[in-house]
Structure formats: C-alpha cells, structure tokens
Amino acid sequence: MKDRPNILVVCGRNKRRSRTAEYIFKNDSRFSIRSVGLSAKSNRQIGDRDIIWSDLIFVMEDGQASRVSGVFRHLGLPPIHVLHIPDEYEYLDEELIDLLTDRINSTLRIEWGI
C-alpha cells in the first residue's frame, strides 16, 4: 500500500454512518477518505471509480460487504472490512463517532500499521 492510502467508507444511503466517518477523518494525515452509499437514492452512489480509487473499503454490515464484492467483482477489489455498526444512529451522533473512531483506528493500526 502507498504512503497515504485511499479509504472508502460505505453504508446504505450515505446519509449518516459513512458521511460521519468521512467528516471525522477528513483531515487525517494518514490517509484520504471518501464516503458513498449503496442505494440509488444516495447523494453519492458507489461506482467503479470509487473502487478503483480505494486501497481499503470499510462497510457497516456484512450484507454490504457481500453486495460490494458481488457488484464490483469485475474489478480488482481492495480488502473490505466490516465495522458491524447498525443503522440506528443519526449523522454525527456521539456514540456513532466513538464507534467509528475506535473501529477504524483499530483496524488501521492492527492490520495496516497506520
């Protein structure tokens, strides 16, 4: 992986969970981050360019990992990590921020050394 990897964060509609992750990590010097949604109703719907751009993908639920893997199997997929965060939080909810911060930092530290 390059010095400053590109991290893609995915949730259902890119309204709460993934947008919160992008917001809290947008100025992190360790990596670049982008958020997208799986739904056609998403403000920013995931596409081939997002997959090609990313070095690592975080999704919120197991089903989302399966969907990304299935839809984009024609591309060289980067590693996909499931954060196991249910869709029950509002945008920038304090508990959501804590969960995202802990789980993303833990994965990056343990598995990626950053």
N, C-alpha and C. Protein backbone atom coordinates (compact mmCIF):
# COMPACT_ATOMS: atom_id res chain seq x y z
N MET A 1 0.84 -1.17 0.00
CA MET A 1 0.00 0.00 0.00
C MET A 1 0.89 1.24 0.00
N LYS A 2 0.43 2.28 -0.64
CA LYS A 2 1.21 3.51 -0.72
C LYS A 2 1.26 4.22 0.63
N ASP A 3 2.07 5.28 0.70
CA ASP A 3 2.26 6.00 1.95
C ASP A 3 0.97 6.57 2.53
N ARG A 4 0.12 7.10 1.69
CA ARG A 4 -1.15 7.69 2.15
C ARG A 4 -2.29 7.00 1.40
N PRO A 5 -2.80 5.90 1.96
CA PRO A 5 -3.82 5.12 1.25
C PRO A 5 -5.15 5.86 1.13
N ASN A 6 -5.93 5.41 0.16
CA ASN A 6 -7.28 5.91 -0.06
C ASN A 6 -8.27 4.96 0.58
N ILE A 7 -9.09 5.48 1.47
CA ILE A 7 -10.06 4.67 2.20
C ILE A 7 -11.47 5.07 1.79
N LEU A 8 -12.24 4.07 1.40
CA LEU A 8 -13.64 4.27 1.01
C LEU A 8 -14.52 3.72 2.12
N VAL A 9 -15.47 4.53 2.58
CA VAL A 9 -16.40 4.11 3.63
C VAL A 9 -17.79 4.06 3.01
N VAL A 10 -18.45 2.90 3.19
CA VAL A 10 -19.73 2.63 2.52
C VAL A 10 -20.81 2.32 3.54
N CYS A 11 -21.99 2.88 3.30
CA CYS A 11 -23.18 2.48 4.05
C CYS A 11 -24.36 2.44 3.08
N GLY A 12 -25.54 2.30 3.59
CA GLY A 12 -26.70 2.14 2.72
C GLY A 12 -26.99 3.33 1.83
N ARG A 13 -27.15 4.52 2.43
CA ARG A 13 -27.58 5.68 1.65
C ARG A 13 -26.64 6.88 1.75
N ASN A 14 -25.50 6.72 2.41
CA ASN A 14 -24.52 7.79 2.55
C ASN A 14 -25.15 9.03 3.19
N LYS A 15 -25.95 8.80 4.21
CA LYS A 15 -26.58 9.91 4.91
C LYS A 15 -26.09 10.06 6.34
N ARG A 16 -25.76 8.95 6.99
CA ARG A 16 -25.40 9.03 8.40
C ARG A 16 -24.06 8.40 8.70
N ARG A 17 -23.97 7.09 8.62
CA ARG A 17 -22.76 6.40 9.09
C ARG A 17 -21.52 6.73 8.25
N SER A 18 -21.57 6.49 6.96
CA SER A 18 -20.38 6.75 6.14
C SER A 18 -20.05 8.24 6.05
N ARG A 19 -21.06 9.07 6.01
CA ARG A 19 -20.82 10.52 6.00
C ARG A 19 -20.17 10.98 7.29
N THR A 20 -20.59 10.40 8.41
CA THR A 20 -19.96 10.73 9.69
C THR A 20 -18.50 10.32 9.68
N ALA A 21 -18.20 9.13 9.18
CA ALA A 21 -16.80 8.67 9.11
C ALA A 21 -15.97 9.63 8.25
N GLU A 22 -16.49 10.01 7.10
CA GLU A 22 -15.76 10.94 6.24
C GLU A 22 -15.53 12.26 6.97
N TYR A 23 -16.53 12.75 7.65
CA TYR A 23 -16.41 14.02 8.35
C TYR A 23 -15.34 13.97 9.45
N ILE A 24 -15.36 12.92 10.26
CA ILE A 24 -14.42 12.90 11.39
C ILE A 24 -12.98 12.60 10.97
N PHE A 25 -12.80 11.96 9.81
CA PHE A 25 -11.44 11.62 9.36
C PHE A 25 -10.96 12.46 8.17
N LYS A 26 -11.73 13.45 7.75
CA LYS A 26 -11.39 14.17 6.52
C LYS A 26 -10.05 14.89 6.57
N ASN A 27 -9.59 15.26 7.75
CA ASN A 27 -8.31 15.96 7.86
C ASN A 27 -7.20 15.07 8.44
N ASP A 28 -7.42 13.77 8.46
CA ASP A 28 -6.42 12.84 8.98
C ASP A 28 -5.27 12.72 7.98
N SER A 29 -4.07 12.98 8.43
CA SER A 29 -2.92 12.98 7.53
C SER A 29 -2.45 11.59 7.13
N ARG A 30 -2.97 10.54 7.78
CA ARG A 30 -2.54 9.17 7.48
C ARG A 30 -3.13 8.63 6.19
N PHE A 31 -4.29 9.15 5.77
CA PHE A 31 -4.98 8.60 4.61
C PHE A 31 -5.96 9.63 4.05
N SER A 32 -6.42 9.35 2.84
CA SER A 32 -7.51 10.11 2.22
C SER A 32 -8.77 9.29 2.40
N ILE A 33 -9.90 9.96 2.57
CA ILE A 33 -11.15 9.24 2.82
C ILE A 33 -12.25 9.80 1.94
N ARG A 34 -13.15 8.90 1.55
CA ARG A 34 -14.32 9.24 0.74
C ARG A 34 -15.46 8.36 1.22
N SER A 35 -16.68 8.90 1.23
CA SER A 35 -17.84 8.10 1.63
C SER A 35 -18.84 8.02 0.49
N VAL A 36 -19.51 6.87 0.42
CA VAL A 36 -20.52 6.62 -0.61
C VAL A 36 -21.61 5.73 -0.03
N GLY A 37 -22.72 5.64 -0.78
CA GLY A 37 -23.81 4.76 -0.39
C GLY A 37 -24.09 3.72 -1.46
N LEU A 38 -24.75 2.66 -1.06
CA LEU A 38 -25.10 1.60 -2.00
C LEU A 38 -26.42 1.86 -2.72
N SER A 39 -27.30 2.63 -2.14
CA SER A 39 -28.63 2.87 -2.70
C SER A 39 -28.57 3.83 -3.89
N ALA A 40 -29.48 3.62 -4.82
CA ALA A 40 -29.62 4.55 -5.94
C ALA A 40 -30.08 5.92 -5.44
N LYS A 41 -30.61 5.99 -4.24
CA LYS A 41 -31.06 7.25 -3.66
C LYS A 41 -29.95 7.97 -2.89
N SER A 42 -28.76 7.44 -2.90
CA SER A 42 -27.63 8.05 -2.20
C SER A 42 -27.22 9.35 -2.89
N ASN A 43 -26.78 10.31 -2.09
CA ASN A 43 -26.22 11.54 -2.67
C ASN A 43 -25.00 11.21 -3.51
N ARG A 44 -24.18 10.32 -3.01
CA ARG A 44 -23.00 9.83 -3.75
C ARG A 44 -23.08 8.32 -3.76
N GLN A 45 -23.51 7.77 -4.88
CA GLN A 45 -23.65 6.32 -5.01
C GLN A 45 -22.32 5.71 -5.44
N ILE A 46 -21.99 4.58 -4.85
CA ILE A 46 -20.75 3.88 -5.17
C ILE A 46 -20.69 3.52 -6.65
N GLY A 47 -19.50 3.64 -7.21
CA GLY A 47 -19.31 3.31 -8.62
C GLY A 47 -17.92 2.73 -8.85
N ASP A 48 -17.67 2.31 -10.07
CA ASP A 48 -16.37 1.73 -10.43
C ASP A 48 -15.20 2.64 -10.04
N ARG A 49 -15.36 3.94 -10.28
CA ARG A 49 -14.26 4.88 -9.99
C ARG A 49 -13.90 4.89 -8.50
N ASP A 50 -14.91 4.72 -7.64
CA ASP A 50 -14.64 4.68 -6.19
C ASP A 50 -13.82 3.44 -5.83
N ILE A 51 -14.18 2.32 -6.41
CA ILE A 51 -13.46 1.06 -6.14
C ILE A 51 -12.03 1.16 -6.64
N ILE A 52 -11.86 1.66 -7.85
CA ILE A 52 -10.52 1.80 -8.44
C ILE A 52 -9.66 2.74 -7.60
N TRP A 53 -10.25 3.80 -7.08
CA TRP A 53 -9.56 4.80 -6.26
C TRP A 53 -9.09 4.22 -4.93
N SER A 54 -9.88 3.30 -4.36
CA SER A 54 -9.65 2.88 -2.98
C SER A 54 -8.59 1.79 -2.82
N ASP A 55 -7.89 1.88 -1.68
CA ASP A 55 -6.93 0.86 -1.27
C ASP A 55 -7.51 -0.03 -0.18
N LEU A 56 -8.58 0.45 0.45
CA LEU A 56 -9.23 -0.25 1.55
C LEU A 56 -10.67 0.24 1.61
N ILE A 57 -11.58 -0.69 1.84
CA ILE A 57 -13.01 -0.34 1.94
C ILE A 57 -13.52 -0.76 3.31
N PHE A 58 -14.22 0.16 3.95
CA PHE A 58 -14.95 -0.14 5.18
C PHE A 58 -16.43 -0.12 4.86
N VAL A 59 -17.15 -1.15 5.29
CA VAL A 59 -18.60 -1.19 5.18
C VAL A 59 -19.15 -1.34 6.60
N MET A 60 -20.43 -1.04 6.77
CA MET A 60 -21.02 -1.08 8.10
C MET A 60 -21.56 -2.45 8.48
N GLU A 61 -22.01 -3.23 7.49
CA GLU A 61 -22.70 -4.50 7.76
C GLU A 61 -22.20 -5.59 6.81
N ASP A 62 -22.35 -6.86 7.24
CA ASP A 62 -21.91 -8.00 6.43
C ASP A 62 -22.55 -7.99 5.04
N GLY A 63 -23.84 -7.73 4.96
CA GLY A 63 -24.53 -7.72 3.68
C GLY A 63 -23.98 -6.70 2.71
N GLN A 64 -23.49 -5.60 3.24
CA GLN A 64 -22.91 -4.57 2.38
C GLN A 64 -21.59 -5.06 1.77
N ALA A 65 -20.82 -5.80 2.54
CA ALA A 65 -19.57 -6.37 2.01
C ALA A 65 -19.87 -7.33 0.87
N SER A 66 -20.88 -8.16 1.07
CA SER A 66 -21.27 -9.12 0.02
C SER A 66 -21.75 -8.39 -1.23
N ARG A 67 -22.51 -7.35 -1.03
CA ARG A 67 -23.03 -6.60 -2.18
C ARG A 67 -21.91 -5.92 -2.96
N VAL A 68 -20.99 -5.28 -2.26
CA VAL A 68 -19.86 -4.63 -2.94
C VAL A 68 -19.05 -5.68 -3.69
N SER A 69 -18.77 -6.79 -3.05
CA SER A 69 -17.99 -7.86 -3.69
C SER A 69 -18.69 -8.39 -4.93
N GLY A 70 -20.00 -8.55 -4.86
CA GLY A 70 -20.76 -9.08 -5.99
C GLY A 70 -20.88 -8.11 -7.14
N VAL A 71 -21.24 -6.88 -6.84
CA VAL A 71 -21.46 -5.88 -7.90
C VAL A 71 -20.15 -5.50 -8.59
N PHE A 72 -19.07 -5.46 -7.84
CA PHE A 72 -17.80 -4.98 -8.40
C PHE A 72 -16.77 -6.08 -8.58
N ARG A 73 -17.23 -7.32 -8.71
CA ARG A 73 -16.31 -8.45 -8.84
C ARG A 73 -15.45 -8.35 -10.11
N HIS A 74 -15.90 -7.57 -11.09
CA HIS A 74 -15.13 -7.41 -12.33
C HIS A 74 -13.91 -6.52 -12.14
N LEU A 75 -13.80 -5.88 -10.99
CA LEU A 75 -12.66 -5.01 -10.70
C LEU A 75 -11.73 -5.70 -9.70
N GLY A 76 -10.53 -5.25 -9.62
CA GLY A 76 -9.63 -5.74 -8.59
C GLY A 76 -10.01 -5.10 -7.27
N LEU A 77 -10.75 -5.83 -6.45
CA LEU A 77 -11.24 -5.27 -5.20
C LEU A 77 -10.15 -5.18 -4.14
N PRO A 78 -10.07 -4.04 -3.45
CA PRO A 78 -9.17 -3.96 -2.31
C PRO A 78 -9.79 -4.72 -1.13
N PRO A 79 -9.06 -4.87 -0.04
CA PRO A 79 -9.65 -5.53 1.14
C PRO A 79 -10.90 -4.77 1.62
N ILE A 80 -11.89 -5.54 2.07
CA ILE A 80 -13.13 -4.98 2.61
C ILE A 80 -13.24 -5.39 4.07
N HIS A 81 -13.42 -4.42 4.94
CA HIS A 81 -13.57 -4.68 6.37
C HIS A 81 -14.96 -4.25 6.83
N VAL A 82 -15.60 -5.12 7.60
CA VAL A 82 -16.93 -4.84 8.12
C VAL A 82 -16.79 -4.26 9.53
N LEU A 83 -17.41 -3.10 9.75
CA LEU A 83 -17.34 -2.43 11.04
C LEU A 83 -18.42 -2.87 12.03
N HIS A 84 -19.44 -3.55 11.54
CA HIS A 84 -20.55 -4.04 12.38
C HIS A 84 -21.20 -2.90 13.17
N ILE A 85 -21.62 -1.88 12.44
CA ILE A 85 -22.33 -0.75 13.04
C ILE A 85 -23.72 -0.68 12.43
N PRO A 86 -24.75 -0.95 13.24
CA PRO A 86 -26.12 -0.96 12.71
C PRO A 86 -26.61 0.44 12.32
N ASP A 87 -27.62 0.47 11.49
CA ASP A 87 -28.19 1.73 11.00
C ASP A 87 -29.21 2.27 12.01
N GLU A 88 -28.68 2.71 13.14
CA GLU A 88 -29.57 3.22 14.19
C GLU A 88 -29.07 4.53 14.78
N TYR A 89 -28.14 5.16 14.11
CA TYR A 89 -27.55 6.41 14.59
C TYR A 89 -27.84 7.54 13.62
N GLU A 90 -27.90 8.74 14.14
CA GLU A 90 -28.04 9.93 13.32
C GLU A 90 -26.66 10.42 12.91
N TYR A 91 -26.62 11.26 11.89
CA TYR A 91 -25.37 11.87 11.43
C TYR A 91 -24.71 12.60 12.61
N LEU A 92 -23.43 12.33 12.82
CA LEU A 92 -22.60 12.93 13.85
C LEU A 92 -23.04 12.61 15.28
N ASP A 93 -23.81 11.55 15.47
CA ASP A 93 -24.19 11.08 16.80
C ASP A 93 -22.90 10.76 17.58
N GLU A 94 -22.84 11.16 18.84
CA GLU A 94 -21.63 10.97 19.63
C GLU A 94 -21.22 9.50 19.75
N GLU A 95 -22.18 8.62 19.96
CA GLU A 95 -21.87 7.20 20.06
C GLU A 95 -21.36 6.66 18.72
N LEU A 96 -21.96 7.12 17.62
CA LEU A 96 -21.50 6.71 16.29
C LEU A 96 -20.07 7.18 16.06
N ILE A 97 -19.78 8.40 16.44
CA ILE A 97 -18.41 8.92 16.29
C ILE A 97 -17.43 8.06 17.08
N ASP A 98 -17.79 7.70 18.31
CA ASP A 98 -16.91 6.85 19.12
C ASP A 98 -16.70 5.48 18.48
N LEU A 99 -17.78 4.87 18.00
CA LEU A 99 -17.67 3.55 17.35
C LEU A 99 -16.78 3.62 16.11
N LEU A 100 -17.05 4.59 15.25
CA LEU A 100 -16.27 4.72 14.01
C LEU A 100 -14.81 4.98 14.31
N THR A 101 -14.55 5.90 15.23
CA THR A 101 -13.17 6.24 15.58
C THR A 101 -12.43 5.02 16.12
N ASP A 102 -13.03 4.32 17.06
CA ASP A 102 -12.39 3.15 17.65
C ASP A 102 -12.17 2.04 16.63
N ARG A 103 -13.19 1.70 15.87
CA ARG A 103 -13.09 0.55 14.96
C ARG A 103 -12.21 0.83 13.75
N ILE A 104 -12.30 2.02 13.20
CA ILE A 104 -11.45 2.33 12.04
C ILE A 104 -9.99 2.45 12.49
N ASN A 105 -9.73 3.17 13.57
CA ASN A 105 -8.35 3.29 14.04
C ASN A 105 -7.76 1.95 14.43
N SER A 106 -8.54 1.11 15.08
CA SER A 106 -8.06 -0.21 15.47
C SER A 106 -7.67 -1.04 14.25
N THR A 107 -8.53 -1.07 13.26
CA THR A 107 -8.23 -1.84 12.04
C THR A 107 -6.98 -1.29 11.34
N LEU A 108 -6.89 0.02 11.23
CA LEU A 108 -5.74 0.62 10.56
C LEU A 108 -4.45 0.33 11.32
N ARG A 109 -4.51 0.39 12.63
CA ARG A 109 -3.32 0.17 13.45
C ARG A 109 -2.89 -1.30 13.42
N ILE A 110 -3.83 -2.20 13.63
CA ILE A 110 -3.52 -3.62 13.73
C ILE A 110 -3.19 -4.24 12.37
N GLU A 111 -4.03 -3.98 11.38
CA GLU A 111 -3.88 -4.68 10.11
C GLU A 111 -3.07 -3.92 9.06
N TRP A 112 -2.93 -2.61 9.22
CA TRP A 112 -2.26 -1.82 8.20
C TRP A 112 -1.06 -1.06 8.73
N GLY A 113 -0.88 -1.04 10.05
CA GLY A 113 0.27 -0.37 10.62
C GLY A 113 0.26 1.14 10.46
N ILE A 114 -0.94 1.72 10.34
CA ILE A 114 -1.00 3.18 10.22
C ILE A 114 -1.93 3.76 11.29
